[in-house]
C-alpha cells in the first residue's frame, strides 16, 4: 500500500473517530468500512479495528466520566458476562463475505431506526440486572465476532427500550466498548497470533479524532444532534460494508 493511500486511509479513520466518539462509540465499524475501501485483507480488519477502538474508547471514557455521564451502577451488569463472550467471539473468524454482510445489515437496520427515533425517551424505564447481564453477554459475543466493540448494538437497544437517557447511554456504551474491544482482540490474537503492523500510522489519527469527538459529544452537542449523528453514521457504514 503506497504512502498516498495510507494518507487517505488515515484521514478517513480520523473523520470516523470524530463522528463516532460524539455519540460514545469508538468507531470500529467505520474503520472496517474505510479499510475495506482500501483493500485491506479481511483477516486484518477485525484486529485492526479493535486495536483502534481501544485507543478511542479510553479517551471517550475520560471525557464522558468527567461530564458525569458514566453511571457505574447502571453499566456494570452489561459488562460482567460480555467479557468472556467477547473473547469467544473474537476467537472465531467468520468468512469475509459473511463478516461484512452481517455487520453491514445490522448497522443499516440500526441507522434506519434512529432516523425515526430522534427524541429523548419521554420516561426512562427501570431494567433488571438480569436483563442487562443477559443482553450484555449476547452483544459481547456479537461484538467479538464482528470486531465492532458492541456499542453499535448496545446503544440502540438501550435507547429503543428507554432504559437510559441519551448521554448516559453514550457513557455506558463507551465503557462497554473498551472492555469488549480488549477481550475481543485478545481472543482474536489467541487464534491468529498476529497483529497487523499498518495500524501504527492510524493510531495518531484516531487519538486526535477521539479527543475532538468525545469532547463535543460530552459537553457541546445537544441530544438531538447526537442521535442524528448516530443514525447517519450507522446508515453510511452499513451501506458501505454491504457494497464492499
C-alpha atoms as a PDB file:
ATOM      1  CA  UNK A   1       0.000   0.000   0.000  1.00  0.00           C
ATOM      2  CA  UNK A   2       1.512   3.350  -1.107  1.00  0.00           C
ATOM      3  CA  UNK A   3       2.110   6.429   1.029  1.00  0.00           C
ATOM      4  CA  UNK A   4      -0.764   8.288  -0.655  1.00  0.00           C
ATOM      5  CA  UNK A   5      -3.214   5.512   0.145  1.00  0.00           C
ATOM      6  CA  UNK A   6      -2.024   5.378   3.747  1.00  0.00           C
ATOM      7  CA  UNK A   7      -2.559   9.146   3.989  1.00  0.00           C
ATOM      8  CA  UNK A   8      -6.108   8.917   2.643  1.00  0.00           C
ATOM      9  CA  UNK A   9      -6.947   6.000   4.910  1.00  0.00           C
ATOM     10  CA  UNK A  10      -5.524   7.902   7.899  1.00  0.00           C
ATOM     11  CA  UNK A  11      -7.743  10.883   7.114  1.00  0.00           C
ATOM     12  CA  UNK A  12     -10.730   8.564   6.749  1.00  0.00           C
ATOM     13  CA  UNK A  13     -10.282   6.953  10.154  1.00  0.00           C
ATOM     14  CA  UNK A  14      -9.808  10.414  11.725  1.00  0.00           C
ATOM     15  CA  UNK A  15     -13.206  11.518  10.424  1.00  0.00           C
ATOM     16  CA  UNK A  16     -14.779   8.279  11.608  1.00  0.00           C
ATOM     17  CA  UNK A  17     -13.235   8.677  15.066  1.00  0.00           C
ATOM     18  CA  UNK A  18     -14.670  12.194  15.404  1.00  0.00           C
ATOM     19  CA  UNK A  19     -18.163  11.202  14.288  1.00  0.00           C
ATOM     20  CA  UNK A  20     -18.442   8.038  16.329  1.00  0.00           C
ATOM     21  CA  UNK A  21     -16.917   9.411  19.525  1.00  0.00           C
ATOM     22  CA  UNK A  22     -19.508  12.205  19.667  1.00  0.00           C
ATOM     23  CA  UNK A  23     -22.101   9.520  20.416  1.00  0.00           C
ATOM     24  CA  UNK A  24     -19.999   7.438  22.798  1.00  0.00           C
ATOM     25  CA  UNK A  25     -18.782   4.967  20.198  1.00  0.00           C
ATOM     26  CA  UNK A  26     -15.202   4.137  19.274  1.00  0.00           C
ATOM     27  CA  UNK A  27     -15.715   3.662  15.526  1.00  0.00           C
ATOM     28  CA  UNK A  28     -14.739   0.058  14.768  1.00  0.00           C
ATOM     29  CA  UNK A  29     -17.470  -0.457  12.187  1.00  0.00           C
ATOM     30  CA  UNK A  30     -16.465   2.751  10.438  1.00  0.00           C
ATOM     31  CA  UNK A  31     -12.791   1.773  10.468  1.00  0.00           C
ATOM     32  CA  UNK A  32     -13.757  -1.558   8.924  1.00  0.00           C
ATOM     33  CA  UNK A  33     -15.642   0.271   6.185  1.00  0.00           C
ATOM     34  CA  UNK A  34     -12.730   2.631   5.440  1.00  0.00           C
ATOM     35  CA  UNK A  35     -10.124  -0.124   5.461  1.00  0.00           C
ATOM     36  CA  UNK A  36     -12.290  -2.266   3.189  1.00  0.00           C
ATOM     37  CA  UNK A  37     -12.338   0.530   0.618  1.00  0.00           C
ATOM     38  CA  UNK A  38      -8.533   0.415   0.586  1.00  0.00           C
ATOM     39  CA  UNK A  39      -8.497  -3.361   0.089  1.00  0.00           C
ATOM     40  CA  UNK A  40      -7.113  -4.275   3.496  1.00  0.00           C
ATOM     41  CA  UNK A  41      -7.089  -8.067   3.833  1.00  0.00           C
ATOM     42  CA  UNK A  42     -10.273  -9.385   5.517  1.00  0.00           C
ATOM     43  CA  UNK A  43      -8.239 -11.226   8.169  1.00  0.00           C
ATOM     44  CA  UNK A  44      -6.676  -7.910   9.238  1.00  0.00           C
ATOM     45  CA  UNK A  45      -9.943  -5.970   9.546  1.00  0.00           C
ATOM     46  CA  UNK A  46     -11.078  -7.284  12.920  1.00  0.00           C
ATOM     47  CA  UNK A  47      -7.798  -6.936  14.882  1.00  0.00           C
ATOM     48  CA  UNK A  48      -7.039  -3.544  13.317  1.00  0.00           C
ATOM     49  CA  UNK A  49     -10.489  -2.154  14.110  1.00  0.00           C
ATOM     50  CA  UNK A  50     -10.437  -3.480  17.672  1.00  0.00           C
ATOM     51  CA  UNK A  51      -6.959  -2.036  18.283  1.00  0.00           C
ATOM     52  CA  UNK A  52      -8.062   1.426  17.139  1.00  0.00           C
ATOM     53  CA  UNK A  53     -11.273   1.019  19.139  1.00  0.00           C
ATOM     54  CA  UNK A  54      -9.313   0.599  22.366  1.00  0.00           C
ATOM     55  CA  UNK A  55      -7.474   3.900  21.876  1.00  0.00           C
ATOM     56  CA  UNK A  56     -10.627   5.915  21.187  1.00  0.00           C
ATOM     57  CA  UNK A  57     -12.606   4.224  23.954  1.00  0.00           C
ATOM     58  CA  UNK A  58     -10.011   5.161  26.583  1.00  0.00           C
ATOM     59  CA  UNK A  59     -10.298   8.798  25.539  1.00  0.00           C
ATOM     60  CA  UNK A  60     -14.089   8.630  25.404  1.00  0.00           C
ATOM     61  CA  UNK A  61     -14.401   7.236  28.913  1.00  0.00           C
ATOM     62  CA  UNK A  62     -12.302  10.069  30.354  1.00  0.00           C
ATOM     63  CA  UNK A  63     -14.467  12.719  28.666  1.00  0.00           C
ATOM     64  CA  UNK A  64     -17.870  11.191  29.417  1.00  0.00           C
ATOM     65  CA  UNK A  65     -16.855  10.358  33.003  1.00  0.00           C
ATOM     66  CA  UNK A  66     -15.744  13.946  33.672  1.00  0.00           C
ATOM     67  CA  UNK A  67     -19.073  15.159  32.301  1.00  0.00           C
ATOM     68  CA  UNK A  68     -20.961  12.839  34.680  1.00  0.00           C
ATOM     69  CA  UNK A  69     -22.452  10.545  32.039  1.00  0.00           C
ATOM     70  CA  UNK A  70     -20.831   7.267  33.154  1.00  0.00           C
ATOM     71  CA  UNK A  71     -23.143   5.611  35.700  1.00  0.00           C
ATOM     72  CA  UNK A  72     -21.272   2.567  37.006  1.00  0.00           C
ATOM     73  CA  UNK A  73     -24.265   1.084  38.840  1.00  0.00           C
ATOM     74  CA  UNK A  74     -26.222   1.026  35.589  1.00  0.00           C
ATOM     75  CA  UNK A  75     -23.286  -0.045  33.416  1.00  0.00           C
ATOM     76  CA  UNK A  76     -21.525  -2.938  35.170  1.00  0.00           C
ATOM     77  CA  UNK A  77     -24.221  -5.634  34.598  1.00  0.00           C
ATOM     78  CA  UNK A  78     -23.869  -5.162  30.835  1.00  0.00           C
ATOM     79  CA  UNK A  79     -20.132  -5.877  31.113  1.00  0.00           C
ATOM     80  CA  UNK A  80     -19.857  -8.792  33.545  1.00  0.00           C
ATOM     81  CA  UNK A  81     -20.610 -11.622  31.066  1.00  0.00           C
ATOM     82  CA  UNK A  82     -19.792  -9.669  27.924  1.00  0.00           C
ATOM     83  CA  UNK A  83     -16.055 -10.051  28.594  1.00  0.00           C
ATOM     84  CA  UNK A  84     -15.817 -13.861  28.233  1.00  0.00           C
ATOM     85  CA  UNK A  85     -18.401 -13.720  25.448  1.00  0.00           C
ATOM     86  CA  UNK A  86     -16.335 -11.145  23.537  1.00  0.00           C
ATOM     87  CA  UNK A  87     -13.209 -13.275  23.938  1.00  0.00           C
ATOM     88  CA  UNK A  88     -15.053 -16.267  22.460  1.00  0.00           C
ATOM     89  CA  UNK A  89     -16.447 -14.182  19.604  1.00  0.00           C
ATOM     90  CA  UNK A  90     -13.010 -12.725  18.885  1.00  0.00           C
ATOM     91  CA  UNK A  91     -11.541 -16.216  18.730  1.00  0.00           C
ATOM     92  CA  UNK A  92     -13.991 -17.197  15.959  1.00  0.00           C
ATOM     93  CA  UNK A  93     -13.129 -15.884  12.477  1.00  0.00           C
ATOM     94  CA  UNK A  94     -16.029 -15.728  10.018  1.00  0.00           C
ATOM     95  CA  UNK A  95     -15.561 -15.921   6.235  1.00  0.00           C
ATOM     96  CA  UNK A  96     -15.004 -12.388   4.945  1.00  0.00           C
ATOM     97  CA  UNK A  97     -18.224 -12.231   2.919  1.00  0.00           C
ATOM     98  CA  UNK A  98     -20.314 -13.355   5.889  1.00  0.00           C
ATOM     99  CA  UNK A  99     -18.441 -10.981   8.190  1.00  0.00           C
ATOM    100  CA  UNK A 100     -19.002  -7.828   6.125  1.00  0.00           C
ATOM    101  CA  UNK A 101     -22.621  -8.657   5.257  1.00  0.00           C
ATOM    102  CA  UNK A 102     -23.532  -9.369   8.893  1.00  0.00           C
ATOM    103  CA  UNK A 103     -22.052  -6.146  10.212  1.00  0.00           C
ATOM    104  CA  UNK A 104     -23.438  -4.114   7.318  1.00  0.00           C
ATOM    105  CA  UNK A 105     -27.005  -5.324   7.754  1.00  0.00           C
ATOM    106  CA  UNK A 106     -27.002  -4.693  11.496  1.00  0.00           C
ATOM    107  CA  UNK A 107     -25.630  -1.180  11.044  1.00  0.00           C
ATOM    108  CA  UNK A 108     -28.115  -0.390   8.310  1.00  0.00           C
ATOM    109  CA  UNK A 109     -31.066  -1.527  10.413  1.00  0.00           C
ATOM    110  CA  UNK A 110     -29.891   0.440  13.446  1.00  0.00           C
ATOM    111  CA  UNK A 111     -29.306   3.586  11.408  1.00  0.00           C
ATOM    112  CA  UNK A 112     -32.756   3.477   9.834  1.00  0.00           C
ATOM    113  CA  UNK A 113     -34.417   3.025  13.222  1.00  0.00           C
ATOM    114  CA  UNK A 114     -32.624   6.045  14.658  1.00  0.00           C
ATOM    115  CA  UNK A 115     -33.677   8.286  11.765  1.00  0.00           C
ATOM    116  CA  UNK A 116     -37.244   7.952  13.038  1.00  0.00           C
ATOM    117  CA  UNK A 117     -36.387   7.980  16.764  1.00  0.00           C
ATOM    118  CA  UNK A 118     -34.519  11.182  17.498  1.00  0.00           C
ATOM    119  CA  UNK A 119     -36.097  12.396  20.744  1.00  0.00           C
ATOM    120  CA  UNK A 120     -35.065  11.771  24.319  1.00  0.00           C
ATOM    121  CA  UNK A 121     -37.165   8.973  25.893  1.00  0.00           C
ATOM    122  CA  UNK A 122     -40.226  10.604  27.494  1.00  0.00           C
ATOM    123  CA  UNK A 123     -39.849   8.336  30.516  1.00  0.00           C
ATOM    124  CA  UNK A 124     -36.916   6.110  31.391  1.00  0.00           C
ATOM    125  CA  UNK A 125     -37.969   2.578  32.330  1.00  0.00           C
ATOM    126  CA  UNK A 126     -36.330   0.513  35.062  1.00  0.00           C
ATOM    127  CA  UNK A 127     -34.478  -2.546  33.796  1.00  0.00           C
ATOM    128  CA  UNK A 128     -33.429  -5.540  35.881  1.00  0.00           C
ATOM    129  CA  UNK A 129     -29.841  -6.656  36.350  1.00  0.00           C
ATOM    130  CA  UNK A 130     -30.767  -9.989  34.769  1.00  0.00           C
ATOM    131  CA  UNK A 131     -31.816  -8.309  31.516  1.00  0.00           C
ATOM    132  CA  UNK A 132     -28.698  -6.170  31.463  1.00  0.00           C
ATOM    133  CA  UNK A 133     -26.419  -9.143  32.140  1.00  0.00           C
ATOM    134  CA  UNK A 134     -28.055 -11.369  29.501  1.00  0.00           C
ATOM    135  CA  UNK A 135     -28.180  -8.666  26.844  1.00  0.00           C
ATOM    136  CA  UNK A 136     -24.559  -7.740  27.590  1.00  0.00           C
ATOM    137  CA  UNK A 137     -23.471 -11.351  27.125  1.00  0.00           C
ATOM    138  CA  UNK A 138     -25.215 -11.663  23.760  1.00  0.00           C
ATOM    139  CA  UNK A 139     -23.943  -8.334  22.491  1.00  0.00           C
ATOM    140  CA  UNK A 140     -20.447  -9.087  23.794  1.00  0.00           C
ATOM    141  CA  UNK A 141     -20.301 -12.259  21.713  1.00  0.00           C
ATOM    142  CA  UNK A 142     -21.565 -10.401  18.641  1.00  0.00           C
ATOM    143  CA  UNK A 143     -19.038  -7.630  19.318  1.00  0.00           C
ATOM    144  CA  UNK A 144     -16.110 -10.045  19.399  1.00  0.00           C
ATOM    145  CA  UNK A 145     -17.406 -11.940  16.384  1.00  0.00           C
ATOM    146  CA  UNK A 146     -17.761  -8.835  14.220  1.00  0.00           C
ATOM    147  CA  UNK A 147     -14.832  -6.825  15.605  1.00  0.00           C
ATOM    148  CA  UNK A 148     -17.032  -3.836  16.422  1.00  0.00           C
ATOM    149  CA  UNK A 149     -16.753  -3.484  20.211  1.00  0.00           C
ATOM    150  CA  UNK A 150     -20.532  -3.694  20.675  1.00  0.00           C
ATOM    151  CA  UNK A 151     -21.553  -0.058  21.028  1.00  0.00           C
ATOM    152  CA  UNK A 152     -23.440  -0.092  17.742  1.00  0.00           C
ATOM    153  CA  UNK A 153     -25.619  -2.857  19.177  1.00  0.00           C
ATOM    154  CA  UNK A 154     -25.868  -1.710  22.808  1.00  0.00           C
ATOM    155  CA  UNK A 155     -26.798   1.949  22.215  1.00  0.00           C
ATOM    156  CA  UNK A 156     -29.828   1.208  20.002  1.00  0.00           C
ATOM    157  CA  UNK A 157     -31.028  -1.422  22.473  1.00  0.00           C
ATOM    158  CA  UNK A 158     -30.819   0.894  25.498  1.00  0.00           C
ATOM    159  CA  UNK A 159     -32.482   3.817  23.733  1.00  0.00           C
ATOM    160  CA  UNK A 160     -35.184   1.852  21.946  1.00  0.00           C
ATOM    161  CA  UNK A 161     -36.099   0.124  25.224  1.00  0.00           C
ATOM    162  CA  UNK A 162     -35.952   3.501  27.053  1.00  0.00           C
ATOM    163  CA  UNK A 163     -33.567   2.199  29.706  1.00  0.00           C
ATOM    164  CA  UNK A 164     -31.486   5.406  29.949  1.00  0.00           C
ATOM    165  CA  UNK A 165     -31.174   8.971  28.597  1.00  0.00           C
ATOM    166  CA  UNK A 166     -29.071   9.615  25.506  1.00  0.00           C
ATOM    167  CA  UNK A 167     -25.846  10.775  27.155  1.00  0.00           C
ATOM    168  CA  UNK A 168     -25.942   8.101  29.857  1.00  0.00           C
ATOM    169  CA  UNK A 169     -26.391   5.604  27.028  1.00  0.00           C
ATOM    170  CA  UNK A 170     -23.277   7.039  25.356  1.00  0.00           C
ATOM    171  CA  UNK A 171     -21.316   6.814  28.616  1.00  0.00           C
ATOM    172  CA  UNK A 172     -22.420   3.211  29.131  1.00  0.00           C
ATOM    173  CA  UNK A 173     -21.587   2.286  25.554  1.00  0.00           C
ATOM    174  CA  UNK A 174     -18.026   3.599  25.660  1.00  0.00           C
ATOM    175  CA  UNK A 175     -17.200   1.595  28.816  1.00  0.00           C
ATOM    176  CA  UNK A 176     -18.770  -1.499  27.246  1.00  0.00           C
ATOM    177  CA  UNK A 177     -16.795  -0.935  24.054  1.00  0.00           C
ATOM    178  CA  UNK A 178     -13.458  -0.703  25.841  1.00  0.00           C
ATOM    179  CA  UNK A 179     -13.988  -3.934  27.779  1.00  0.00           C
ATOM    180  CA  UNK A 180     -15.180  -5.880  24.757  1.00  0.00           C
ATOM    181  CA  UNK A 181     -12.563  -4.477  22.399  1.00  0.00           C
ATOM    182  CA  UNK A 182      -9.755  -5.534  24.741  1.00  0.00           C
ATOM    183  CA  UNK A 183     -11.056  -9.062  25.188  1.00  0.00           C
ATOM    184  CA  UNK A 184     -12.245  -9.418  21.596  1.00  0.00           C
ATOM    185  CA  UNK A 185      -8.740  -8.513  20.437  1.00  0.00           C
ATOM    186  CA  UNK A 186      -7.260 -10.948  22.981  1.00  0.00           C
ATOM    187  CA  UNK A 187      -9.464 -13.726  21.616  1.00  0.00           C
ATOM    188  CA  UNK A 188      -8.512 -12.921  18.038  1.00  0.00           C
ATOM    189  CA  UNK A 189      -4.809 -12.814  18.883  1.00  0.00           C
ATOM    190  CA  UNK A 190      -5.098 -16.146  20.683  1.00  0.00           C
ATOM    191  CA  UNK A 191      -6.492 -17.662  17.486  1.00  0.00           C
ATOM    192  CA  UNK A 192      -4.149 -15.988  14.977  1.00  0.00           C
ATOM    193  CA  UNK A 193      -1.019 -14.963  16.957  1.00  0.00           C
ATOM    194  CA  UNK A 194      -0.667 -11.916  14.679  1.00  0.00           C
ATOM    195  CA  UNK A 195      -1.443  -8.196  14.763  1.00  0.00           C
ATOM    196  CA  UNK A 196      -1.476  -6.001  11.629  1.00  0.00           C
ATOM    197  CA  UNK A 197       1.506  -3.631  11.515  1.00  0.00           C
ATOM    198  CA  UNK A 198      -0.138  -0.955   9.362  1.00  0.00           C
ATOM    199  CA  UNK A 199      -2.268   0.345  12.270  1.00  0.00           C
ATOM    200  CA  UNK A 200       0.618   2.403  13.676  1.00  0.00           C
ATOM    201  CA  UNK A 201       0.140   5.413  11.358  1.00  0.00           C
ATOM    202  CA  UNK A 202      -3.617   5.247  12.018  1.00  0.00           C
ATOM    203  CA  UNK A 203      -3.260   5.358  15.806  1.00  0.00           C
ATOM    204  CA  UNK A 204      -2.438   9.069  15.986  1.00  0.00           C
ATOM    205  CA  UNK A 205      -5.383   9.915  13.754  1.00  0.00           C
ATOM    206  CA  UNK A 206      -7.935   8.087  15.873  1.00  0.00           C
ATOM    207  CA  UNK A 207      -6.496   9.501  19.112  1.00  0.00           C
ATOM    208  CA  UNK A 208      -6.895  13.049  17.770  1.00  0.00           C
ATOM    209  CA  UNK A 209     -10.362  12.275  16.428  1.00  0.00           C
ATOM    210  CA  UNK A 210     -11.373  10.649  19.687  1.00  0.00           C
ATOM    211  CA  UNK A 211     -10.434  13.742  21.702  1.00  0.00           C
ATOM    212  CA  UNK A 212     -12.351  16.068  19.377  1.00  0.00           C
ATOM    213  CA  UNK A 213     -15.465  13.933  19.095  1.00  0.00           C
ATOM    214  CA  UNK A 214     -15.798  12.871  22.725  1.00  0.00           C
ATOM    215  CA  UNK A 215     -15.320  16.474  23.883  1.00  0.00           C
ATOM    216  CA  UNK A 216     -18.078  17.666  21.567  1.00  0.00           C
ATOM    217  CA  UNK A 217     -20.367  14.778  22.462  1.00  0.00           C
ATOM    218  CA  UNK A 218     -19.967  15.046  26.227  1.00  0.00           C
ATOM    219  CA  UNK A 219     -20.185  18.837  26.546  1.00  0.00           C
ATOM    220  CA  UNK A 220     -21.131  20.790  23.453  1.00  0.00           C
ATOM    221  CA  UNK A 221     -23.681  18.924  21.341  1.00  0.00           C
ATOM    222  CA  UNK A 222     -27.305  18.537  22.381  1.00  0.00           C
ATOM    223  CA  UNK A 223     -29.042  15.146  22.430  1.00  0.00           C
ATOM    224  CA  UNK A 224     -30.918  15.586  19.127  1.00  0.00           C
ATOM    225  CA  UNK A 225     -27.688  16.297  17.240  1.00  0.00           C
ATOM    226  CA  UNK A 226     -26.033  13.284  18.863  1.00  0.00           C
ATOM    227  CA  UNK A 227     -28.860  10.955  17.824  1.00  0.00           C
ATOM    228  CA  UNK A 228     -28.973  12.402  14.299  1.00  0.00           C
ATOM    229  CA  UNK A 229     -25.233  11.865  14.003  1.00  0.00           C
ATOM    230  CA  UNK A 230     -25.570   8.299  15.240  1.00  0.00           C
ATOM    231  CA  UNK A 231     -28.276   7.492  12.683  1.00  0.00           C
ATOM    232  CA  UNK A 232     -26.251   8.928   9.794  1.00  0.00           C
ATOM    233  CA  UNK A 233     -23.018   7.212  10.791  1.00  0.00           C
ATOM    234  CA  UNK A 234     -24.666   3.819  11.267  1.00  0.00           C
ATOM    235  CA  UNK A 235     -26.523   4.077   7.961  1.00  0.00           C
ATOM    236  CA  UNK A 236     -23.472   5.121   5.920  1.00  0.00           C
ATOM    237  CA  UNK A 237     -21.241   2.465   7.471  1.00  0.00           C
ATOM    238  CA  UNK A 238     -23.866  -0.210   6.855  1.00  0.00           C
ATOM    239  CA  UNK A 239     -24.283   0.678   3.176  1.00  0.00           C
ATOM    240  CA  UNK A 240     -20.513   0.783   2.627  1.00  0.00           C
ATOM    241  CA  UNK A 241     -19.985  -2.617   4.181  1.00  0.00           C
ATOM    242  CA  UNK A 242     -22.803  -4.250   2.229  1.00  0.00           C
ATOM    243  CA  UNK A 243     -21.492  -2.829  -1.041  1.00  0.00           C
ATOM    244  CA  UNK A 244     -17.850  -3.642  -0.320  1.00  0.00           C
END
